[in-house]
Amino acid sequence: MSSESVGGIFGAIVAAVVLAVAVVFGPIGQYGKPPKPKVEAAPAMAPAVPAAPAPRGPVIREVPNQ
């Protein structure tokens, strides 16, 4: 037996083990799994009283000349 044929046999064994592990653990991703439950967001409630306007800074009506 040459080393190439031994390597081929070992390669086939490793490939079979990898394939068996892939079948046991199932498909990757969402395929084959139950769908995830959807989370429903609560509807936004409008405030009953409108919000007060934001306070403003001081108003300067006249600027004295210097």
PDB file of N, CA and C in Angstrom:
ATOM      1  N   MET A   1       0.841  -1.182   0.000  1.00  0.00           N
ATOM      2  CA  MET A   1       0.000   0.000   0.000  1.00  0.00           C
ATOM      3  C   MET A   1       0.882   1.240   0.000  1.00  0.00           C
ATOM      4  N   SER A   2       0.600   2.139  -0.920  1.00  0.00           N
ATOM      5  CA  SER A   2       1.392   3.358  -0.964  1.00  0.00           C
ATOM      6  C   SER A   2       0.788   4.387  -0.015  1.00  0.00           C
ATOM      7  N   SER A   3       1.558   5.411   0.264  1.00  0.00           N
ATOM      8  CA  SER A   3       1.089   6.439   1.196  1.00  0.00           C
ATOM      9  C   SER A   3      -0.095   7.221   0.610  1.00  0.00           C
ATOM     10  N   GLU A   4      -0.184   7.283  -0.699  1.00  0.00           N
ATOM     11  CA  GLU A   4      -1.302   7.989  -1.312  1.00  0.00           C
ATOM     12  C   GLU A   4      -2.620   7.249  -1.070  1.00  0.00           C
ATOM     13  N   SER A   5      -2.605   5.940  -1.147  1.00  0.00           N
ATOM     14  CA  SER A   5      -3.837   5.190  -0.921  1.00  0.00           C
ATOM     15  C   SER A   5      -4.229   5.219   0.562  1.00  0.00           C
ATOM     16  N   VAL A   6      -3.249   5.190   1.461  1.00  0.00           N
ATOM     17  CA  VAL A   6      -3.539   5.292   2.898  1.00  0.00           C
ATOM     18  C   VAL A   6      -4.135   6.668   3.194  1.00  0.00           C
ATOM     19  N   GLY A   7      -3.563   7.702   2.585  1.00  0.00           N
ATOM     20  CA  GLY A   7      -4.103   9.048   2.769  1.00  0.00           C
ATOM     21  C   GLY A   7      -5.517   9.169   2.229  1.00  0.00           C
ATOM     22  N   GLY A   8      -5.791   8.520   1.126  1.00  0.00           N
ATOM     23  CA  GLY A   8      -7.142   8.532   0.551  1.00  0.00           C
ATOM     24  C   GLY A   8      -8.142   7.842   1.462  1.00  0.00           C
ATOM     25  N   ILE A   9      -7.726   6.734   2.054  1.00  0.00           N
ATOM     26  CA  ILE A   9      -8.620   6.008   2.969  1.00  0.00           C
ATOM     27  C   ILE A   9      -8.891   6.855   4.212  1.00  0.00           C
ATOM     28  N   PHE A  10      -7.846   7.425   4.792  1.00  0.00           N
ATOM     29  CA  PHE A  10      -8.023   8.284   5.965  1.00  0.00           C
ATOM     30  C   PHE A  10      -8.867   9.520   5.620  1.00  0.00           C
ATOM     31  N   GLY A  11      -8.677  10.069   4.448  1.00  0.00           N
ATOM     32  CA  GLY A  11      -9.483  11.210   4.017  1.00  0.00           C
ATOM     33  C   GLY A  11     -10.946  10.849   3.894  1.00  0.00           C
ATOM     34  N   ALA A  12     -11.238   9.669   3.370  1.00  0.00           N
ATOM     35  CA  ALA A  12     -12.621   9.215   3.249  1.00  0.00           C
ATOM     36  C   ALA A  12     -13.241   9.003   4.630  1.00  0.00           C
ATOM     37  N   ILE A  13     -12.460   8.463   5.559  1.00  0.00           N
ATOM     38  CA  ILE A  13     -12.959   8.257   6.925  1.00  0.00           C
ATOM     39  C   ILE A  13     -13.263   9.591   7.584  1.00  0.00           C
ATOM     40  N   VAL A  14     -12.352  10.568   7.450  1.00  0.00           N
ATOM     41  CA  VAL A  14     -12.571  11.892   8.037  1.00  0.00           C
ATOM     42  C   VAL A  14     -13.790  12.557   7.407  1.00  0.00           C
ATOM     43  N   ALA A  15     -13.946  12.437   6.103  1.00  0.00           N
ATOM     44  CA  ALA A  15     -15.096  13.030   5.432  1.00  0.00           C
ATOM     45  C   ALA A  15     -16.400  12.386   5.910  1.00  0.00           C
ATOM     46  N   ALA A  16     -16.392  11.080   6.128  1.00  0.00           N
ATOM     47  CA  ALA A  16     -17.589  10.397   6.612  1.00  0.00           C
ATOM     48  C   ALA A  16     -17.939  10.849   8.027  1.00  0.00           C
ATOM     49  N   VAL A  17     -16.926  11.031   8.875  1.00  0.00           N
ATOM     50  CA  VAL A  17     -17.171  11.490  10.243  1.00  0.00           C
ATOM     51  C   VAL A  17     -17.725  12.907  10.228  1.00  0.00           C
ATOM     52  N   VAL A  18     -17.159  13.780   9.414  1.00  0.00           N
ATOM     53  CA  VAL A  18     -17.641  15.161   9.329  1.00  0.00           C
ATOM     54  C   VAL A  18     -19.077  15.188   8.823  1.00  0.00           C
ATOM     55  N   LEU A  19     -19.404  14.389   7.831  1.00  0.00           N
ATOM     56  CA  LEU A  19     -20.764  14.328   7.309  1.00  0.00           C
ATOM     57  C   LEU A  19     -21.737  13.803   8.364  1.00  0.00           C
ATOM     58  N   ALA A  20     -21.315  12.784   9.131  1.00  0.00           N
ATOM     59  CA  ALA A  20     -22.180  12.242  10.177  1.00  0.00           C
ATOM     60  C   ALA A  20     -22.440  13.282  11.265  1.00  0.00           C
ATOM     61  N   VAL A  21     -21.419  14.041  11.654  1.00  0.00           N
ATOM     62  CA  VAL A  21     -21.588  15.081  12.666  1.00  0.00           C
ATOM     63  C   VAL A  21     -22.523  16.162  12.143  1.00  0.00           C
ATOM     64  N   ALA A  22     -22.399  16.524  10.871  1.00  0.00           N
ATOM     65  CA  ALA A  22     -23.266  17.549  10.289  1.00  0.00           C
ATOM     66  C   ALA A  22     -24.723  17.083  10.273  1.00  0.00           C
ATOM     67  N   VAL A  23     -24.961  15.827  10.015  1.00  0.00           N
ATOM     68  CA  VAL A  23     -26.329  15.304   9.998  1.00  0.00           C
ATOM     69  C   VAL A  23     -26.894  15.245  11.413  1.00  0.00           C
ATOM     70  N   VAL A  24     -26.068  14.886  12.392  1.00  0.00           N
ATOM     71  CA  VAL A  24     -26.543  14.774  13.773  1.00  0.00           C
ATOM     72  C   VAL A  24     -26.917  16.142  14.325  1.00  0.00           C
ATOM     73  N   PHE A  25     -26.091  17.146  14.100  1.00  0.00           N
ATOM     74  CA  PHE A  25     -26.350  18.471  14.669  1.00  0.00           C
ATOM     75  C   PHE A  25     -27.335  19.288  13.843  1.00  0.00           C
ATOM     76  N   GLY A  26     -27.737  18.812  12.710  1.00  0.00           N
ATOM     77  CA  GLY A  26     -28.782  19.464  11.934  1.00  0.00           C
ATOM     78  C   GLY A  26     -28.268  20.576  11.053  1.00  0.00           C
ATOM     79  N   PRO A  27     -29.190  21.135  10.278  1.00  0.00           N
ATOM     80  CA  PRO A  27     -28.799  22.181   9.336  1.00  0.00           C
ATOM     81  C   PRO A  27     -28.429  23.479  10.043  1.00  0.00           C
ATOM     82  N   ILE A  28     -27.625  24.252   9.384  1.00  0.00           N
ATOM     83  CA  ILE A  28     -27.188  25.533   9.919  1.00  0.00           C
ATOM     84  C   ILE A  28     -28.175  26.595   9.449  1.00  0.00           C
ATOM     85  N   GLY A  29     -28.532  27.504  10.323  1.00  0.00           N
ATOM     86  CA  GLY A  29     -29.431  28.591   9.956  1.00  0.00           C
ATOM     87  C   GLY A  29     -30.855  28.301  10.389  1.00  0.00           C
ATOM     88  N   GLN A  30     -31.798  29.033   9.812  1.00  0.00           N
ATOM     89  CA  GLN A  30     -33.193  28.925  10.209  1.00  0.00           C
ATOM     90  C   GLN A  30     -33.880  27.735   9.558  1.00  0.00           C
ATOM     91  N   TYR A  31     -33.328  27.206   8.486  1.00  0.00           N
ATOM     92  CA  TYR A  31     -33.954  26.099   7.770  1.00  0.00           C
ATOM     93  C   TYR A  31     -34.064  24.878   8.686  1.00  0.00           C
ATOM     94  N   GLY A  32     -35.245  24.337   8.826  1.00  0.00           N
ATOM     95  CA  GLY A  32     -35.440  23.140   9.627  1.00  0.00           C
ATOM     96  C   GLY A  32     -35.692  23.423  11.093  1.00  0.00           C
ATOM     97  N   LYS A  33     -35.699  24.677  11.509  1.00  0.00           N
ATOM     98  CA  LYS A  33     -35.935  25.037  12.902  1.00  0.00           C
ATOM     99  C   LYS A  33     -37.287  25.724  13.006  1.00  0.00           C
ATOM    100  N   PRO A  34     -37.912  25.667  14.170  1.00  0.00           N
ATOM    101  CA  PRO A  34     -39.191  26.367  14.304  1.00  0.00           C
ATOM    102  C   PRO A  34     -39.001  27.871  14.203  1.00  0.00           C
ATOM    103  N   PRO A  35     -40.001  28.580  13.685  1.00  0.00           N
ATOM    104  CA  PRO A  35     -39.847  30.041  13.544  1.00  0.00           C
ATOM    105  C   PRO A  35     -39.779  30.714  14.905  1.00  0.00           C
ATOM    106  N   LYS A  36     -39.038  31.805  14.963  1.00  0.00           N
ATOM    107  CA  LYS A  36     -38.902  32.557  16.204  1.00  0.00           C
ATOM    108  C   LYS A  36     -40.192  33.324  16.465  1.00  0.00           C
ATOM    109  N   PRO A  37     -40.612  33.394  17.723  1.00  0.00           N
ATOM    110  CA  PRO A  37     -41.835  34.152  18.017  1.00  0.00           C
ATOM    111  C   PRO A  37     -41.611  35.642  17.799  1.00  0.00           C
ATOM    112  N   LYS A  38     -42.643  36.291  17.245  1.00  0.00           N
ATOM    113  CA  LYS A  38     -42.536  37.718  16.980  1.00  0.00           C
ATOM    114  C   LYS A  38     -42.931  38.485  18.233  1.00  0.00           C
ATOM    115  N   VAL A  39     -42.193  39.540  18.532  1.00  0.00           N
ATOM    116  CA  VAL A  39     -42.492  40.388  19.674  1.00  0.00           C
ATOM    117  C   VAL A  39     -43.295  41.570  19.175  1.00  0.00           C
ATOM    118  N   GLU A  40     -44.507  41.722  19.713  1.00  0.00           N
ATOM    119  CA  GLU A  40     -45.360  42.820  19.279  1.00  0.00           C
ATOM    120  C   GLU A  40     -45.104  44.031  20.157  1.00  0.00           C
ATOM    121  N   ALA A  41     -44.856  45.151  19.528  1.00  0.00           N
ATOM    122  CA  ALA A  41     -44.631  46.387  20.268  1.00  0.00           C
ATOM    123  C   ALA A  41     -45.975  46.992  20.653  1.00  0.00           C
ATOM    124  N   ALA A  42     -46.021  47.568  21.856  1.00  0.00           N
ATOM    125  CA  ALA A  42     -47.250  48.207  22.312  1.00  0.00           C
ATOM    126  C   ALA A  42     -47.469  49.484  21.504  1.00  0.00           C
ATOM    127  N   PRO A  43     -48.714  49.767  21.126  1.00  0.00           N
ATOM    128  CA  PRO A  43     -48.953  50.996  20.350  1.00  0.00           C
ATOM    129  C   PRO A  43     -48.658  52.228  21.199  1.00  0.00           C
ATOM    130  N   ALA A  44     -48.094  53.226  20.569  1.00  0.00           N
ATOM    131  CA  ALA A  44     -47.731  54.452  21.275  1.00  0.00           C
ATOM    132  C   ALA A  44     -49.000  55.223  21.606  1.00  0.00           C
ATOM    133  N   MET A  45     -49.115  55.626  22.852  1.00  0.00           N
ATOM    134  CA  MET A  45     -50.288  56.381  23.297  1.00  0.00           C
ATOM    135  C   MET A  45     -49.989  57.867  23.184  1.00  0.00           C
ATOM    136  N   ALA A  46     -50.933  58.618  22.613  1.00  0.00           N
ATOM    137  CA  ALA A  46     -50.773  60.061  22.498  1.00  0.00           C
ATOM    138  C   ALA A  46     -51.070  60.693  23.856  1.00  0.00           C
ATOM    139  N   PRO A  47     -50.308  61.701  24.276  1.00  0.00           N
ATOM    140  CA  PRO A  47     -50.592  62.332  25.573  1.00  0.00           C
ATOM    141  C   PRO A  47     -51.933  63.072  25.524  1.00  0.00           C
ATOM    142  N   ALA A  48     -52.663  63.043  26.647  1.00  0.00           N
ATOM    143  CA  ALA A  48     -53.977  63.676  26.704  1.00  0.00           C
ATOM    144  C   ALA A  48     -53.848  65.197  26.707  1.00  0.00           C
ATOM    145  N   VAL A  49     -52.806  65.721  27.358  1.00  0.00           N
ATOM    146  CA  VAL A  49     -52.604  67.162  27.438  1.00  0.00           C
ATOM    147  C   VAL A  49     -51.354  67.496  26.627  1.00  0.00           C
ATOM    148  N   PRO A  50     -51.429  68.500  25.749  1.00  0.00           N
ATOM    149  CA  PRO A  50     -50.225  68.832  24.980  1.00  0.00           C
ATOM    150  C   PRO A  50     -49.113  69.324  25.902  1.00  0.00           C
ATOM    151  N   ALA A  51     -47.918  69.016  25.548  1.00  0.00           N
ATOM    152  CA  ALA A  51     -46.770  69.390  26.367  1.00  0.00           C
ATOM    153  C   ALA A  51     -46.576  70.903  26.340  1.00  0.00           C
ATOM    154  N   ALA A  52     -46.081  71.444  27.441  1.00  0.00           N
ATOM    155  CA  ALA A  52     -45.822  72.885  27.537  1.00  0.00           C
ATOM    156  C   ALA A  52     -44.646  73.238  26.635  1.00  0.00           C
ATOM    157  N   PRO A  53     -44.643  74.436  26.070  1.00  0.00           N
ATOM    158  CA  PRO A  53     -43.518  74.811  25.210  1.00  0.00           C
ATOM    159  C   PRO A  53     -42.226  74.890  26.027  1.00  0.00           C
ATOM    160  N   ALA A  54     -41.148  74.653  25.365  1.00  0.00           N
ATOM    161  CA  ALA A  54     -39.853  74.672  26.035  1.00  0.00           C
ATOM    162  C   ALA A  54     -39.528  76.093  26.493  1.00  0.00           C
ATOM    163  N   PRO A  55     -38.945  76.260  27.667  1.00  0.00           N
ATOM    164  CA  PRO A  55     -38.613  77.614  28.138  1.00  0.00           C
ATOM    165  C   PRO A  55     -37.512  78.220  27.266  1.00  0.00           C
ATOM    166  N   ARG A  56     -37.642  79.499  27.030  1.00  0.00           N
ATOM    167  CA  ARG A  56     -36.660  80.196  26.199  1.00  0.00           C
ATOM    168  C   ARG A  56     -35.727  80.999  27.081  1.00  0.00           C
ATOM    169  N   GLY A  57     -34.649  81.411  26.501  1.00  0.00           N
ATOM    170  CA  GLY A  57     -33.679  82.227  27.216  1.00  0.00           C
ATOM    171  C   GLY A  57     -34.149  83.675  27.305  1.00  0.00           C
ATOM    172  N   PRO A  58     -33.354  84.545  27.930  1.00  0.00           N
ATOM    173  CA  PRO A  58     -33.749  85.943  28.075  1.00  0.00           C
ATOM    174  C   PRO A  58     -33.805  86.635  26.713  1.00  0.00           C
ATOM    175  N   VAL A  59     -34.765  87.539  26.578  1.00  0.00           N
ATOM    176  CA  VAL A  59     -34.917  88.294  25.349  1.00  0.00           C
ATOM    177  C   VAL A  59     -34.321  89.660  25.563  1.00  0.00           C
ATOM    178  N   ILE A  60     -33.364  90.040  24.747  1.00  0.00           N
ATOM    179  CA  ILE A  60     -32.725  91.351  24.853  1.00  0.00           C
ATOM    180  C   ILE A  60     -33.385  92.251  23.812  1.00  0.00           C
ATOM    181  N   ARG A  61     -34.074  93.271  24.267  1.00  0.00           N
ATOM    182  CA  ARG A  61     -34.822  94.126  23.350  1.00  0.00           C
ATOM    183  C   ARG A  61     -33.964  95.275  22.847  1.00  0.00           C
ATOM    184  N   GLU A  62     -33.115  95.827  23.702  1.00  0.00           N
ATOM    185  CA  GLU A  62     -32.269  96.932  23.272  1.00  0.00           C
ATOM    186  C   GLU A  62     -30.838  96.656  23.701  1.00  0.00           C
ATOM    187  N   VAL A  63     -29.932  97.063  22.857  1.00  0.00           N
ATOM    188  CA  VAL A  63     -28.518  96.950  23.175  1.00  0.00           C
ATOM    189  C   VAL A  63     -27.959  98.368  23.272  1.00  0.00           C
ATOM    190  N   PRO A  64     -27.495  98.778  24.455  1.00  0.00           N
ATOM    191  CA  PRO A  64     -26.979 100.156  24.583  1.00  0.00           C
ATOM    192  C   PRO A  64     -25.683 100.325  23.797  1.00  0.00           C
ATOM    193  N   ASN A  65     -25.524 101.514  23.227  1.00  0.00           N
ATOM    194  CA  ASN A  65     -24.288 101.839  22.513  1.00  0.00           C
ATOM    195  C   ASN A  65     -23.213 102.207  23.519  1.00  0.00           C
ATOM    196  N   GLN A  66     -22.048 101.790  23.283  1.00  0.00           N
ATOM    197  CA  GLN A  66     -20.962 102.138  24.192  1.00  0.00           C
ATOM    198  C   GLN A  66     -19.899 102.928  23.514  1.00  0.00           C
TER     199      GLN A  66
END
